[in-house]
Protein backbone atom coordinates (compact mmCIF):
# COMPACT_ATOMS: atom_id res chain seq x y z
CA MET A 1 13.76 -24.51 -33.34
CA SER A 2 13.64 -22.24 -30.35
CA LYS A 3 11.93 -19.03 -30.11
CA LYS A 4 15.33 -17.07 -29.76
CA ALA A 5 16.93 -18.79 -33.02
CA THR A 6 13.53 -17.79 -34.75
CA TYR A 7 13.53 -14.13 -33.68
CA SER A 8 17.38 -13.95 -34.49
CA LYS A 9 16.66 -15.19 -38.21
CA LEU A 10 13.75 -12.93 -38.66
CA GLN A 11 15.87 -10.01 -37.67
CA GLN A 12 18.69 -10.74 -40.09
CA ARG A 13 16.24 -11.06 -42.89
CA TYR A 14 14.50 -7.99 -42.08
CA ALA A 15 17.86 -6.19 -41.59
CA LYS A 16 19.03 -7.50 -45.12
CA ASN A 17 15.96 -6.12 -46.90
CA VAL A 18 15.97 -2.83 -45.23
CA ARG A 19 19.48 -2.28 -46.04
CA LYS A 20 18.90 -2.91 -49.40
CA LEU A 21 16.15 -0.22 -49.30
CA TYR A 22 18.26 2.37 -47.85
CA SER A 23 21.03 1.81 -50.33
CA THR A 24 19.20 3.23 -53.14
CA LYS A 25 19.79 7.04 -54.08
CA GLU A 26 16.07 8.09 -52.34
CA GLY A 27 16.55 5.92 -49.48
CA LYS A 28 20.11 7.01 -48.52
CA GLU A 29 18.98 10.66 -48.85
CA LEU A 30 16.09 10.04 -46.32
CA PHE A 31 18.74 7.89 -43.98
CA ASP A 32 21.20 10.90 -43.91
CA ILE A 33 18.40 13.43 -43.00
CA LEU A 34 17.47 11.41 -40.18
CA SER A 35 20.75 10.10 -39.13
CA SER A 36 22.25 13.84 -38.78
CA GLY A 37 19.56 14.97 -36.53
CA LYS A 38 19.68 14.90 -32.71
CA ASN A 39 19.49 11.23 -31.79
CA LYS A 40 19.46 9.49 -28.70
CA TYR A 41 19.24 5.75 -27.94
CA LEU A 42 18.87 3.52 -24.58
CA ARG A 43 18.64 -0.03 -23.74
CA LEU A 44 17.11 -1.13 -20.49
CA ASP A 45 17.49 -4.73 -19.06
CA ARG A 46 15.34 -5.03 -15.80
CA PHE A 47 15.09 -8.04 -13.63
CA GLU A 48 12.73 -8.47 -10.71
CA SER A 49 13.17 -10.84 -7.59
CA SER A 50 11.19 -10.80 -4.32
CA ALA A 51 12.68 -11.37 -0.90
CA MET A 52 9.81 -12.49 2.02
CA ASP A 53 9.90 -11.85 5.35
CA MET A 54 8.60 -14.77 7.05
CA SER A 55 8.84 -13.70 10.71
CA TRP A 56 5.37 -12.05 11.04
CA ILE A 57 3.74 -15.10 9.43
CA LYS A 58 5.41 -17.69 11.69
CA GLN A 59 4.63 -15.43 14.88
CA ILE A 60 0.79 -15.68 13.93
CA GLU A 61 1.16 -19.31 12.79
CA ASP A 62 2.48 -19.98 16.37
CA CYS A 63 -0.48 -18.33 17.94
CA ILE A 64 -3.29 -19.69 15.86
CA ASP A 65 -3.92 -22.65 18.42
CA PRO A 66 -3.76 -20.80 21.59
CA LEU A 67 -6.15 -18.33 20.18
CA GLY A 68 -8.57 -21.36 19.22
CA ASP A 69 -8.23 -22.62 22.81
CA ILE A 70 -9.10 -19.40 24.35
CA VAL A 71 -12.13 -18.81 21.78
CA ASN A 72 -13.40 -22.27 22.56
CA ASN A 73 -12.83 -22.16 26.21
CA PRO A 74 -12.57 -18.56 27.59
CA LYS A 75 -12.28 -17.79 31.02
CA LYS A 76 -15.09 -16.44 32.78
CA THR A 77 -16.65 -15.11 36.40
CA ILE A 78 -19.75 -15.73 38.19
CA GLN A 79 -22.15 -12.56 38.08
CA THR A 80 -25.01 -11.78 40.34
CA LEU A 81 -27.94 -9.97 38.64
CA VAL A 82 -30.70 -8.53 40.13
CA GLU A 83 -33.88 -7.55 38.44
CA VAL A 84 -37.59 -6.94 39.03
CA VAL A 85 -39.78 -9.11 37.00
CA GLN A 86 -43.25 -10.81 36.75
CA VAL A 87 -44.00 -13.39 39.38
CA GLU A 88 -44.34 -15.94 36.83
CA LYS A 89 -40.48 -15.74 36.01
CA VAL A 90 -39.23 -15.93 39.47
CA LYS A 91 -37.59 -19.39 40.16
CA LYS A 92 -36.38 -18.67 43.64
CA ILE A 93 -37.80 -16.60 46.53
CA GLY A 94 -35.47 -15.69 49.24
CA SER A 95 -35.22 -13.23 52.12
CA GLU A 96 -33.76 -10.44 49.99
CA THR A 97 -37.12 -10.77 47.55
CA VAL A 98 -39.32 -10.53 50.87
CA GLN A 99 -37.63 -7.37 52.28
CA HIS A 100 -37.79 -5.82 48.46
CA LEU A 101 -41.21 -6.37 48.35
CA SER A 102 -42.13 -5.05 52.00
CA SER A 103 -40.27 -1.94 51.00
CA HIS A 104 -41.74 -1.81 47.50
CA THR A 105 -45.70 -2.02 48.29
CA GLN A 106 -46.58 -0.85 44.85
CA PHE A 107 -46.00 -4.41 43.54
CA ILE A 108 -48.48 -5.58 45.97
CA LYS A 109 -51.18 -6.77 43.68
CA THR A 110 -54.13 -7.99 46.42
CA ILE A 111 -54.22 -9.04 50.30
CA ASP A 112 -57.03 -11.28 51.08
CA GLU A 113 -58.95 -11.30 54.54
CA ASN A 114 -56.35 -14.07 55.77
CA GLY A 115 -53.65 -11.51 55.16
CA ASP A 116 -52.05 -13.31 52.36
CA VAL A 117 -50.14 -11.27 49.86
CA THR A 118 -50.48 -11.52 46.10
CA PRO A 119 -47.66 -9.66 44.64
CA SER A 120 -47.52 -8.54 40.82
CA LYS A 121 -43.70 -8.41 40.54
CA LEU A 122 -40.95 -9.67 42.52
CA LEU A 123 -37.13 -9.33 43.22
CA ASN A 124 -35.31 -11.90 41.26
CA ILE A 125 -31.79 -12.60 42.12
CA TYR A 126 -29.74 -15.34 40.32
CA ASN A 127 -26.22 -16.19 38.91
CA ASP A 128 -24.84 -16.07 35.45
CA ASP A 129 -21.76 -16.52 33.54
CA TYR A 130 -19.62 -13.38 32.81
CA TYR A 131 -17.37 -13.45 29.99
CA ALA A 132 -16.57 -9.54 29.58
CA ILE A 133 -13.48 -9.62 31.60
CA TYR A 134 -10.50 -7.60 30.80
CA GLU A 135 -8.41 -10.64 29.62
CA ASN A 136 -11.34 -11.72 27.13
CA ARG A 137 -11.78 -8.24 25.88
CA PHE A 138 -7.85 -8.11 25.26
CA ILE A 139 -8.38 -11.53 23.07
CA ALA A 140 -11.24 -10.05 21.19
CA THR A 141 -9.32 -6.74 20.27
CA LEU A 142 -6.08 -8.99 19.32
CA ILE A 143 -8.37 -10.73 16.60
CA ARG A 144 -9.86 -7.75 15.26
CA HIS A 145 -6.20 -6.18 14.81
CA LEU A 146 -4.88 -9.29 13.61
CA LEU A 147 -7.61 -9.33 10.96
CA ILE A 148 -6.60 -5.77 9.81
CA PHE A 149 -2.85 -6.66 9.97
CA VAL A 150 -3.13 -9.79 7.81
CA GLU A 151 -5.27 -8.30 5.16
CA LYS A 152 -3.36 -5.25 4.62
CA ARG A 153 -0.16 -7.45 3.97
CA TYR A 154 -2.16 -9.93 1.90
CA GLN A 155 -3.57 -7.22 -0.52
CA PHE A 156 0.11 -5.60 -0.77
CA VAL A 157 1.57 -8.79 -1.54
CA LEU A 158 -1.34 -9.92 -4.34
CA GLN A 159 -0.66 -6.44 -5.86
CA ASN A 160 3.23 -6.77 -6.06
CA ALA A 161 3.15 -10.63 -6.52
CA THR A 162 3.69 -10.62 -10.33
CA LEU A 163 7.33 -10.57 -11.05
CA SER A 164 8.70 -10.05 -14.55
CA ASP A 165 11.98 -9.55 -16.58
CA VAL A 166 11.91 -6.70 -18.74
CA GLN A 167 13.62 -5.54 -21.49
CA VAL A 168 13.23 -2.09 -23.20
CA LEU A 169 14.57 -0.27 -26.15
CA TYR A 170 14.13 3.55 -26.38
CA ALA A 171 15.20 5.60 -29.55
CA LYS A 172 14.06 9.22 -30.59
CA ASN A 173 15.01 11.54 -33.17
CA HIS A 174 14.67 15.28 -33.53
CA THR A 175 15.62 16.66 -37.01
CA GLU A 176 15.12 20.36 -38.79
CA HIS A 177 14.90 19.83 -42.70
CA ASP A 178 13.42 22.01 -45.34
CA GLY A 179 11.55 24.27 -42.93
CA ALA A 180 9.89 21.29 -41.28
CA VAL A 181 10.41 19.80 -37.91
CA ILE A 182 10.51 15.90 -37.70
CA ASP A 183 10.25 13.99 -34.43
CA VAL A 184 10.38 10.28 -34.37
CA GLU A 185 10.13 8.48 -30.94
CA THR A 186 9.91 4.52 -30.67
CA LYS A 187 9.97 2.35 -27.61
CA VAL A 188 9.91 -1.35 -27.51
CA ARG A 189 8.82 -3.29 -24.36
CA TYR A 190 9.28 -6.99 -23.70
CA SER A 191 8.08 -8.50 -20.45
CA ARG A 192 7.89 -11.94 -19.23
CA PRO A 193 7.22 -13.63 -15.88
CA ALA A 194 10.31 -14.21 -13.73
CA GLU A 195 11.99 -17.41 -12.91
CA ALA A 196 9.83 -20.17 -11.94
CA VAL A 197 11.54 -21.01 -8.58
CA ALA A 198 10.76 -17.38 -7.46
CA VAL A 199 7.04 -17.64 -8.46
CA ASP A 200 6.72 -21.06 -6.69
CA LYS A 201 8.33 -19.80 -3.73
CA LEU A 202 5.78 -16.57 -3.70
CA LYS A 203 2.76 -18.87 -4.31
CA GLY A 204 3.89 -20.82 -1.04
CA TYR A 205 4.08 -17.64 0.74
CA LEU A 206 0.56 -16.58 -0.17
CA ARG A 207 -0.89 -20.00 0.75
CA ARG A 208 0.31 -19.55 4.33
CA ILE A 209 -1.18 -16.13 4.65
CA GLU A 210 -4.57 -17.54 3.10
CA ASP A 211 -4.71 -20.03 5.81
CA ILE A 212 -4.18 -17.59 8.44
CA ARG A 213 -6.95 -15.41 7.09
CA LYS A 214 -9.15 -18.20 7.06
CA TYR A 215 -8.46 -18.98 10.86
CA LEU A 216 -8.95 -15.34 12.00
CA LYS A 217 -12.18 -15.05 9.83
CA PHE A 218 -13.50 -18.18 11.71
CA TYR A 219 -12.63 -16.96 14.87
CA ALA A 220 -14.05 -13.46 14.16
CA ASN A 221 -17.53 -15.42 13.86
CA THR A 222 -17.40 -17.22 16.89
CA GLU A 223 -19.93 -17.10 19.95
CA PHE A 224 -17.04 -15.67 21.80
CA MET A 225 -16.84 -12.75 19.40
CA ARG A 226 -20.62 -12.20 19.32
CA ILE A 227 -20.70 -12.02 23.11
CA LEU A 228 -18.03 -9.42 23.55
CA ARG A 229 -19.07 -7.63 20.04
CA ARG A 230 -20.55 -4.58 22.15
CA GLU A 231 -17.69 -4.52 24.55
CA ARG A 232 -14.86 -1.79 24.16
CA ASP A 233 -11.70 -2.62 22.94
CA VAL A 234 -8.56 -2.30 25.17
CA ARG A 235 -5.87 0.02 24.53
CA ASN A 236 -2.35 0.22 25.04
CA PRO A 237 -0.54 -0.26 27.36
CA ILE A 238 -2.01 -3.75 28.04
CA LEU A 239 -2.41 -4.53 31.79
CA GLN A 240 -0.29 -7.73 32.75
CA THR A 241 -3.06 -9.36 34.99
CA ASN A 242 -2.35 -12.59 36.72
CA ILE A 243 -4.08 -14.50 33.97
CA ILE A 244 -2.23 -12.64 31.17
CA ARG A 245 1.24 -12.98 32.99
CA LYS A 246 0.84 -16.75 34.18
CA ASN A 247 -1.35 -18.67 31.79
CA PRO A 248 0.86 -19.82 28.76
CA LYS A 249 -2.02 -19.13 26.07
CA TYR A 250 -2.84 -15.74 27.34
CA HIS A 251 0.74 -14.49 27.41
CA LYS A 252 1.79 -16.06 24.16
CA CYS A 253 -1.24 -13.86 22.67
CA TYR A 254 0.19 -10.83 24.87
CA LEU A 255 3.70 -11.21 22.98
CA LEU A 256 1.97 -11.43 19.44
CA TRP A 257 0.36 -8.03 20.52
CA LEU A 258 3.50 -6.55 21.32
CA TYR A 259 5.00 -7.87 18.03
CA ILE A 260 2.14 -6.71 15.56
CA ASN A 261 2.38 -3.08 17.58
CA LYS A 262 5.97 -2.78 16.50
CA TYR A 263 6.11 -4.61 13.00
CA LYS A 264 5.63 -2.11 10.34
CA GLU A 265 7.06 -3.68 7.31
CA ALA A 266 5.09 -4.93 4.37
CA GLY A 267 6.47 -8.42 4.80
CA ILE A 268 7.73 -8.49 1.20
CA GLU A 269 10.46 -6.84 -0.60
CA VAL A 270 10.96 -6.57 -4.49
CA LYS A 271 14.32 -6.30 -5.53
CA VAL A 272 14.96 -4.52 -8.93
CA GLU A 273 18.12 -4.80 -11.05
CA GLU A 274 18.43 -2.57 -13.82
CA ASN A 275 21.25 -2.30 -16.47
CA TYR A 276 21.63 0.17 -18.88
CA SER A 277 23.74 -0.49 -21.88
CA GLU A 278 25.42 1.19 -24.76
CA LEU A 279 24.38 0.36 -28.16
CA PRO A 280 26.98 -0.79 -30.91
CA PRO A 281 27.29 1.29 -34.10
CA SER A 282 25.72 -1.58 -36.29
CA GLN A 283 22.71 -1.69 -33.91
CA ILE A 284 22.61 2.05 -34.18
CA ARG A 285 22.23 1.79 -37.89
CA GLU A 286 19.39 -0.62 -37.60
CA ILE A 287 17.62 1.49 -35.44
CA ASN A 288 17.67 4.69 -37.68
CA GLU A 289 16.53 2.60 -40.70
CA HIS A 290 13.60 1.53 -38.35
CA MET A 291 12.89 5.05 -37.69
CA CYS A 292 13.14 5.99 -41.35
CA SER A 293 10.60 3.17 -42.05
CA THR A 294 8.25 4.67 -39.24
CA TYR A 295 8.55 8.08 -40.83
CA LEU A 296 7.56 6.82 -44.11
CA LEU A 297 4.48 5.27 -42.88
CA LEU A 298 3.34 8.92 -42.09
CA LYS A 299 4.70 10.83 -45.36
CA GLY A 300 4.30 7.77 -47.69
CA LYS A 301 0.48 8.06 -47.60
CA LYS A 302 -1.83 10.63 -48.52
CA MET A 303 -3.39 13.10 -45.97
CA SER A 304 -6.77 12.33 -44.78
CA PRO A 305 -9.44 14.59 -46.79
CA ARG A 306 -10.73 17.25 -44.73
CA GLY A 307 -14.42 16.89 -44.15
CA LYS A 308 -17.17 19.23 -43.48
CA LYS A 309 -16.82 20.34 -39.79
CA GLU A 310 -18.85 22.69 -37.75
CA LYS A 311 -17.27 26.13 -37.38
CA LYS A 312 -17.13 27.48 -33.87
CA VAL A 313 -16.25 30.71 -32.79
CA TYR A 314 -14.84 31.47 -29.42
CA LYS A 315 -14.86 34.96 -27.95
CA PRO A 316 -13.14 35.28 -24.73
CA ILE A 317 -13.72 37.89 -22.44
CA ILE A 318 -11.53 39.74 -19.69
CA MET A 319 -13.06 39.93 -16.58
CA ASN A 320 -12.28 42.95 -14.07
CA THR A 321 -11.26 42.01 -10.57
CA TYR A 322 -9.82 43.93 -7.35
CA ASP A 323 -6.30 43.20 -8.66
CA ASP A 324 -7.20 46.29 -11.29
CA GLU A 325 -7.47 48.38 -8.00
CA ILE A 326 -4.37 47.06 -6.43
CA TYR A 327 -1.94 47.07 -9.17
CA LYS A 328 -1.63 50.35 -11.09
CA PRO A 329 0.09 50.95 -14.45
CA MET A 330 2.66 53.12 -13.27
CA ASP A 331 4.02 50.41 -10.97
CA TYR A 332 5.27 48.45 -14.16
CA LYS A 333 8.90 49.58 -15.31
CA GLY A 334 8.55 47.11 -18.27
CA PRO A 335 6.25 45.11 -20.20
CA ILE A 336 3.05 43.87 -18.10
CA GLU A 337 3.58 39.77 -18.06
CA PHE A 338 0.45 37.78 -17.12
CA ILE A 339 1.04 34.59 -15.33
CA ARG A 340 -2.14 32.04 -15.15
CA ILE A 341 -2.74 31.28 -11.62
CA ASP A 342 -6.23 29.21 -11.84
CA ASP A 343 -6.50 25.54 -10.94
CA LYS A 344 -6.39 24.15 -14.39
CA PHE A 345 -3.16 25.67 -15.14
CA ARG A 346 -1.47 24.45 -11.83
CA GLU A 347 -2.80 20.86 -12.43
CA TYR A 348 -1.10 20.94 -15.88
CA SER A 349 2.33 22.50 -14.67
CA GLU A 350 2.24 19.94 -11.82
CA SER A 351 1.95 16.72 -14.14
CA LEU A 352 3.81 17.62 -17.34
CA PHE A 353 5.78 14.42 -17.23
CA ALA A 354 5.72 11.68 -14.79
CA LEU A 355 9.54 10.98 -14.35
CA ASP A 356 11.47 8.96 -11.99
CA PRO A 357 12.50 11.44 -9.42
CA HIS A 358 15.80 9.62 -8.91
CA PRO A 359 17.06 8.48 -12.30
CA THR A 360 20.16 6.84 -13.48
CA LYS A 361 22.80 8.79 -15.55
CA GLN A 362 21.80 7.01 -18.56
CA ARG A 363 18.02 7.80 -18.11
CA LYS A 364 18.52 11.29 -17.19
CA GLU A 365 20.69 11.91 -20.27
CA TYR A 366 17.97 10.28 -22.58
CA ASP A 367 14.89 12.12 -21.06
CA SER A 368 17.15 15.46 -20.34
CA GLU A 369 14.58 17.82 -22.43
CA LYS A 370 11.76 16.29 -20.16
CA TYR A 371 13.79 16.56 -16.93
CA GLU A 372 14.72 20.36 -18.06
CA ALA A 373 10.95 20.94 -18.70
CA ASN A 374 9.91 19.72 -15.43
CA LYS A 375 12.60 21.93 -13.96
CA ASN A 376 11.26 24.84 -15.21
CA ALA A 377 7.73 23.86 -14.36
CA ARG A 378 8.68 23.60 -10.79
CA GLU A 379 10.40 27.02 -10.84
CA ARG A 380 7.32 28.60 -12.62
CA LYS A 381 5.02 26.81 -10.01
CA ALA A 382 7.10 28.29 -7.23
CA GLN A 383 6.71 31.74 -8.80
CA VAL A 384 2.84 30.99 -9.09
CA ASP A 385 2.71 29.95 -5.59
CA SER A 386 4.59 33.26 -4.26
CA LEU A 387 2.25 35.50 -6.43
CA LEU A 388 -0.70 33.50 -5.09
CA LYS A 389 0.31 34.49 -1.50
CA ARG A 390 1.11 37.84 -2.39
CA LYS A 391 -2.04 38.12 -4.01
CA VAL A 392 -3.98 37.19 -0.92
CA HIS A 393 -1.99 38.96 1.32
CA GLU A 394 -2.54 42.09 -0.70
CA GLY A 395 -5.90 41.42 -1.25
CA GLU A 396 -6.73 41.09 2.38
CA GLU A 397 -4.97 44.54 2.87
CA TYR A 398 -7.14 46.03 0.37
CA GLU A 399 -10.26 44.64 1.76
CA LYS A 400 -9.02 45.89 5.17
CA LYS A 401 -8.54 49.39 3.90
CA GLU A 402 -11.66 49.38 2.17
CA LYS A 403 -13.52 48.28 5.42
CA GLU A 404 -11.64 50.98 7.39
CA TYR A 405 -12.50 53.80 4.92
CA LEU A 406 -16.13 52.73 4.84
CA GLU A 407 -16.47 52.71 8.49
CA HIS A 408 -14.65 56.09 8.62
CA GLU A 409 -17.30 57.55 5.70
CA ILE A 410 -19.98 56.10 7.96
CA ALA A 411 -18.61 57.76 10.96
CA ARG A 412 -18.35 60.82 9.50
CA ASP A 413 -21.67 60.73 7.99
CA LYS A 414 -23.13 59.92 11.47
CA TYR A 415 -21.12 62.91 12.86
CA VAL A 416 -22.36 65.31 10.35
CA ASN A 417 -25.88 64.15 10.97
CA ASP A 418 -25.76 64.39 14.58
CA LYS A 419 -24.28 67.88 14.07
CA VAL A 420 -27.03 68.93 11.60
CA GLU A 421 -29.90 67.48 14.11
CA GLN A 422 -28.19 69.22 17.16
CA GLU A 423 -28.21 72.52 15.30
CA ILE A 424 -31.74 72.06 14.25
CA ARG A 425 -33.02 71.14 17.75
CA ILE A 426 -31.25 73.98 19.10
CA GLU A 427 -33.00 76.36 16.65
CA ALA A 428 -36.29 74.79 17.28
CA ILE A 429 -35.94 75.23 20.69
CA ALA A 430 -34.93 78.79 20.66
CA ARG A 431 -37.91 79.43 18.36
CA VAL A 432 -40.46 77.74 20.80
CA GLU A 433 -39.09 80.02 23.59
CA LYS A 434 -39.49 82.93 21.60
CA VAL A 435 -43.00 81.86 20.83
CA ARG A 436 -43.50 81.27 24.48
CA LYS A 437 -42.18 84.65 25.53
CA GLU A 438 -44.30 86.39 22.92
CA VAL A 439 -47.48 84.51 24.31
CA LYS A 440 -46.50 85.34 27.80
CA ASP A 441 -46.04 89.20 26.95
CA LYS A 442 -49.30 89.29 25.31
CA ALA A 443 -51.02 87.76 28.23
CA LYS A 444 -49.53 90.42 30.41
CA LYS A 445 -50.52 93.35 28.33
CA ALA A 446 -54.00 91.78 28.25
CA ARG A 447 -54.29 91.51 32.05
CA ILE A 448 -52.87 94.95 32.51
CA ARG A 449 -55.53 96.37 30.17
CA GLY A 450 -58.19 94.43 31.91
CA ASN A 451 -57.26 95.89 35.24
CA LYS A 452 -57.56 99.28 33.88
CA VAL A 453 -61.05 98.94 32.48
CA GLU A 454 -62.21 97.53 35.94
CA ALA A 455 -60.88 100.59 37.93
């Protein structure tokens, strides 16, 4: 017997027993109460399939061999190197070496009686292979870019590779009865892997990417990349030198460079087909019976006994801020409304419900309360943001006025202090002049008296 037949048989037996339960007086009463409430039902059938873009894989695969040939046998030039080394390391002495020693006598160690010169160091001139040409730096940069290009798409494909077909049944009930509010919400989700054909195709796609990754990682650890590891990467636009333009291998790598710089797609598309269907009355009745059974699981059992718990007392306090100085009570014509604008409230208001921003008509009707709550939350957030901007602006204005007032008070105090100090200085000078005049007058009178005595 197939699983589908087994499920169908079990469902029929379950429906028969439940129908018998709710045909009794008590069961019918409960069923009528919940059925008369605000009920919503939704069934979703979702099918996933993938469409892979093989163009970027083929472009890189076609360039793997040219890249390997260049890495194993890169172009090079002969570079003449000049350095001063110990005598023991010099392999060949030429006229340039003698001329250099004659002009750098500090490298002469000794001169014997016969005029023979023994140097301590000599100029060494030799030729060596030079690989850091522009074309090789271009290839090294291309390999680094390819590693990032392929790895990003490989990780994306791994994360989105699991395709599945999903069936979901949503049902919720809101009932007000006998002064109590009853909310029952249920969701049944059935998921299974997608068709085997699509899965096999995806596995082949991943194998090709993994092969490319292996080649690129091998190239990245070759002697060629080690030699050029300290060289700077090339930048766009790439110079089309004779080697890049005329050498087929380098030119193929150049075309691949142009391709990956223009290619922005992820390389895979996941197609989703969603079908919302209306439920027949017979199935709606079965769902209502199931919600009644779910409700009975709660009300049919005794409440958990209340244990001894630690009592906590919370004493909120009200902080004074500069808002108390900005907003005066007489500014309000109606009752004062306080709006929370702290970070915790903003985080809560921004994440009330995670809903699809572009829902279908059926899904929007099913979650109409949540979408309405989100709409109100967004409007509230806009008000809060506006209030925050105004608060910051008026706070800055308030601080600016306070600063100006403080500066004015300081200037006024300075002016008063200067004025008082000036008056004290004038008064002191006047007193000094008065005392000086009195002293002069006394001295003058004393001289007059002295002259009279001598006469």
